[in-house]
Amino acid sequence: MAADGIVILGAGPAGAAVAIGLARMGEPVVLVGEPRRFAAVEGVSARVIDALRGLGLQRALTAFAPPSPRRAVWNGTYTEANVESLVDRQRFDQGLLEDLERLGVPVVRGRVTALHPAPGGHELEIDTDAGPRRMAAGFLVEARGRAAP
């Protein structure tokens, strides 16, 4: 099985940023990932949103609510230092995948179930909606966050 170049594991913002950057440098890259399978809402700073905008992730940006003050009370002390925007992660993750495909980054929608050393790199086993798939990679980038084994 011939290696497919660089494979990014993880379809969140870190994986998307690495995949876009490598693709813009002309590197052969494939991203393997899927939207998260559970509901989650997260708060994101304006700096992160600006970085996503700079990458051209237009569809993903539509998942963000308008900014609101970030308030915290710790041991009776009240602070309101900055703002954040809440985001539905399932909608955001789906938007990231759509943006990557629009930007020309090949995406395999699925979950890596096994990694094996292989001549010239690694062999991956991937569970996709269409069934199991195998893929070879010359180099891996781990960007699955807490989903990594």
Protein backbone atom coordinates (compact mmCIF):
# COMPACT_ATOMS: atom_id res chain seq x y z
CA MET A 1 0.00 0.00 0.00
CA ALA A 2 1.61 3.27 -1.11
CA ALA A 3 1.75 6.15 1.38
CA ASP A 4 -0.64 9.03 0.69
CA GLY A 5 1.59 11.85 1.96
CA ILE A 6 0.53 13.69 5.10
CA VAL A 7 -2.62 12.58 6.90
CA ILE A 8 -4.14 14.87 9.54
CA LEU A 9 -6.07 13.02 12.24
CA GLY A 10 -8.86 15.22 13.61
CA ALA A 11 -11.39 17.58 12.06
CA GLY A 12 -11.49 20.31 14.70
CA PRO A 13 -9.95 23.77 14.38
CA ALA A 14 -6.37 22.54 14.96
CA GLY A 15 -6.61 19.84 12.30
CA ALA A 16 -8.31 22.23 9.88
CA ALA A 17 -5.63 24.91 10.38
CA VAL A 18 -2.78 22.43 9.83
CA ALA A 19 -4.47 20.92 6.76
CA ILE A 20 -5.11 24.33 5.17
CA GLY A 21 -1.58 25.53 5.91
CA LEU A 22 0.06 22.42 4.45
CA ALA A 23 -2.23 22.46 1.39
CA ARG A 24 -1.38 26.12 0.76
CA MET A 25 2.32 25.15 0.85
CA GLY A 26 1.64 22.55 -1.84
CA GLU A 27 2.01 19.51 0.41
CA PRO A 28 -0.08 16.40 -0.33
CA VAL A 29 -2.51 16.29 2.58
CA VAL A 30 -5.67 14.39 3.54
CA LEU A 31 -7.72 15.10 6.66
CA VAL A 32 -9.51 12.23 8.44
CA GLY A 33 -12.26 13.15 10.88
CA GLU A 34 -15.92 13.61 11.59
CA PRO A 35 -18.14 16.02 13.49
CA ARG A 36 -18.39 15.13 17.16
CA ARG A 37 -21.13 12.69 18.00
CA PHE A 38 -22.45 14.46 21.10
CA ALA A 39 -23.94 17.88 21.75
CA ALA A 40 -21.54 20.48 23.15
CA VAL A 41 -21.47 24.25 23.46
CA GLU A 42 -18.16 26.05 23.93
CA GLY A 43 -17.04 29.65 24.39
CA VAL A 44 -14.47 31.02 21.94
CA SER A 45 -12.46 34.24 22.10
CA ALA A 46 -12.45 36.93 19.42
CA ARG A 47 -8.79 36.06 18.61
CA VAL A 48 -9.76 32.51 17.67
CA ILE A 49 -12.63 33.75 15.51
CA ASP A 50 -10.25 36.17 13.76
CA ALA A 51 -7.84 33.28 13.05
CA LEU A 52 -10.67 31.16 11.62
CA ARG A 53 -11.73 34.08 9.44
CA GLY A 54 -8.13 34.44 8.21
CA LEU A 55 -8.14 30.77 7.16
CA GLY A 56 -11.27 31.33 5.07
CA LEU A 57 -13.54 29.13 7.20
CA GLN A 58 -16.73 30.98 6.26
CA ARG A 59 -19.24 28.16 6.80
CA ALA A 60 -17.85 27.26 10.22
CA LEU A 61 -18.08 30.90 11.32
CA THR A 62 -21.87 30.88 10.82
CA ALA A 63 -22.16 28.58 13.88
CA PHE A 64 -21.08 31.33 16.31
CA ALA A 65 -23.47 33.40 18.40
CA PRO A 66 -22.78 37.14 18.77
CA PRO A 67 -20.14 37.97 21.40
CA SER A 68 -21.25 38.32 25.01
CA PRO A 69 -19.40 39.39 28.17
CA ARG A 70 -17.43 36.66 29.91
CA ARG A 71 -18.28 36.96 33.58
CA ALA A 72 -16.75 35.02 36.43
CA VAL A 73 -17.10 34.97 40.21
CA TRP A 74 -14.25 33.36 42.13
CA ASN A 75 -14.27 33.43 45.91
CA GLY A 76 -16.63 36.41 45.91
CA THR A 77 -14.59 38.39 43.38
CA TYR A 78 -16.51 39.38 40.23
CA THR A 79 -14.64 39.91 36.95
CA GLU A 80 -15.72 40.78 33.43
CA ALA A 81 -12.44 40.90 31.55
CA ASN A 82 -13.43 40.22 27.95
CA VAL A 83 -16.03 38.69 25.64
CA GLU A 84 -16.56 35.30 24.04
CA SER A 85 -18.88 33.80 21.46
CA LEU A 86 -20.73 30.57 22.13
CA VAL A 87 -20.69 27.90 19.44
CA ASP A 88 -22.62 24.68 18.85
CA ARG A 89 -19.70 22.31 18.24
CA GLN A 90 -21.61 19.82 16.07
CA ARG A 91 -22.69 22.59 13.71
CA PHE A 92 -19.22 24.19 13.83
CA ASP A 93 -17.45 20.87 13.14
CA GLN A 94 -19.76 20.16 10.18
CA GLY A 95 -19.02 23.66 8.84
CA LEU A 96 -15.26 23.03 9.16
CA LEU A 97 -15.52 19.90 7.00
CA GLU A 98 -17.58 21.74 4.38
CA ASP A 99 -15.06 24.61 4.36
CA LEU A 100 -12.12 22.22 3.97
CA GLU A 101 -13.76 20.54 0.99
CA ARG A 102 -14.59 23.95 -0.54
CA LEU A 103 -10.94 24.98 -0.09
CA GLY A 104 -9.77 21.84 -1.91
CA VAL A 105 -8.51 19.85 1.09
CA PRO A 106 -9.36 16.15 0.64
CA VAL A 107 -11.47 14.91 3.57
CA VAL A 108 -12.21 11.35 4.62
CA ARG A 109 -15.27 11.46 6.87
CA GLY A 110 -14.75 8.78 9.43
CA ARG A 111 -13.06 7.69 12.63
CA VAL A 112 -9.63 6.08 12.85
CA THR A 113 -9.99 2.73 14.60
CA ALA A 114 -6.38 1.52 14.33
CA LEU A 115 -2.89 2.73 13.39
CA HIS A 116 -0.06 0.39 12.41
CA PRO A 117 3.58 1.04 11.50
CA ALA A 118 4.19 0.26 7.82
CA PRO A 119 7.09 0.58 5.38
CA GLY A 120 7.52 4.28 4.65
CA GLY A 121 5.03 5.43 7.27
CA HIS A 122 1.78 4.21 8.76
CA GLU A 123 -1.33 2.27 7.83
CA LEU A 124 -4.70 3.48 9.11
CA GLU A 125 -7.96 1.64 9.55
CA ILE A 126 -10.93 4.00 9.28
CA ASP A 127 -14.61 3.43 10.06
CA THR A 128 -16.72 5.41 7.54
CA ASP A 129 -20.45 5.48 6.80
CA ALA A 130 -19.66 3.49 3.63
CA GLY A 131 -17.83 0.82 5.66
CA PRO A 132 -14.24 0.12 6.73
CA ARG A 133 -11.43 1.75 4.78
CA ARG A 134 -7.64 1.41 4.85
CA MET A 135 -5.23 4.21 4.06
CA ALA A 136 -1.45 4.62 4.08
CA ALA A 137 0.32 7.76 5.27
CA GLY A 138 3.92 8.80 4.95
CA PHE A 139 3.50 11.19 7.89
CA LEU A 140 0.77 11.65 10.53
CA VAL A 141 -0.33 14.78 12.37
CA GLU A 142 -2.27 14.02 15.56
CA ALA A 143 -4.95 16.71 16.02
CA ARG A 144 -7.80 14.75 17.61
CA GLY A 145 -7.51 16.50 20.96
CA ARG A 146 -9.11 14.54 23.77
CA ALA A 147 -10.48 12.04 21.21
CA ALA A 148 -6.91 10.77 20.65
CA PRO A 149 -6.12 7.42 22.28
